Amino acid sequence: MQFQELDTPAALLDLARVQRNIQRMQEKMNRLGVKFRPHVKTSKCTEVVLAQLAEGAQGITVSTMKEAEEFFAAGIQDIVYAVCISAGKLPRALALLRQGCDLKILVDNEQAAHQVCEFGRAHDQQFDVWIEVDTDGHRGGIDPAGDELIRVGTVLQQGGAKVGGVLTHAGSSYELHTQEKLVALAEQERAGCVLAAARLEQAGIRCANVSVGSTPTAFAAEHLEGVSEVRAGVYVFFDLVMHNVGVCEMDDIALSVLTTVIGHQPEKGWVLVDAGWMAMSRDRGTANQHRDFGYGQPCLLNGAPVVGFKMISANQEHGILAADDSTHSIDLIKAFPVGSKLRILPNHACATGAQHEWLNACEAGGNTTPWKRFRGW
């Protein structure tokens, strides 16, 4: 089916852009001499992940047990579950291990470490546990220079688990937009995680893996001495947030939402489309950046942005397109009559992708193939 024939709203993947994005990241990691472990929460799609592995990625990162189970069923064994494990998920982790999955789980506090060890001992299982460290004050993780790191490592040596490595995520990179600051944060991320590993080793706790990563810091890193692997996810599709950060151009963004014009409000200069927040998500990640794209950037069917316009508002099934400001003279209403179609680039590819059950993989000639995107936790 040609993509213009799809019922709307529909998620489109530009396959040429996807492949170019995969190659660009893998080439950077190869130059830096580190293993690359993509974060698959962006696509949650087997076809996309297999393309990443085919290009040279080694193992995957997941954010849900559902992802771990689905990708293991697809034949991928080397998996890091990069969210602090809760006790209720340990039976599912155990089931994967006993089926042959090389699953690594994460903790970032003493209580979670004790729970893993107690469960492991009770089930005669040694879990491979990585400790999350906080290198930028963004979210979870232990201070790499603090005492808790050694306490957690010591707990994990008491049976039922072993320390497999340390892991960090410089999520604050999404708030930056200059190369100088991104380079500095990439080095801060690297140095902090390497420090954590060194301190564990000095305490007699073996730490074989040092895992860092975010899409911006992966591209900004100038060297990765002491790092064994890098993780990044959104690079495979990119989005408007990443465009604002400065790590991609508009024509690198591989995910868009195909939508149909369903009405106009001439007195307001509005074009109404059938892609609301149920299709685009409510993510407003660009709102606090230097350029606000509203709920998304409208594009022509060939992918060219309609300059000066954005999705200014979204209801559940209605999107509203309008000019950024009064200086744009294009008559959007005449240019896009009822029944015409547009593509909308998303603020956050992970959030927009999550609204759709299928990703319509689009070849250069416009032919599409539906790729399943799974959901759930």
Foldseek 3Di string as FASTA:
>chain_A
DFPQPDDPFAKAFAVVLLLVLLLVLVVLCVVQPAAAAEEALLFLFQVSVVSSVVNPHAHYEYQDLVSVVVVVVVPGARYEHPDADDLVCVVSVVVSVVVPHNYEYEHAFQVSLLSQFVVLVVVVHEHAYEYEAELAPPDTHHFLPDPRLLVSQVSQVPGNYAHAAYEYEPVCLLQAADLVVLQVSLVSQLVSQLSSQVVCVVVVGHHDAREYEEVSNSVSHPHRPSHHYYYYYCSSQDFVSVVLSPPDPQVSHGIWTKWFFADDDQVVLKTKIQAFCLQQPPDQSCPSTPDGQQFFFKAAPVSHTPPQKHQNHGDNGITIIHGPDDPDDDSVPVVHDGGRMIITTGHGSSRNSQSDQWYWYAYPVRDTDTTGNDDDD
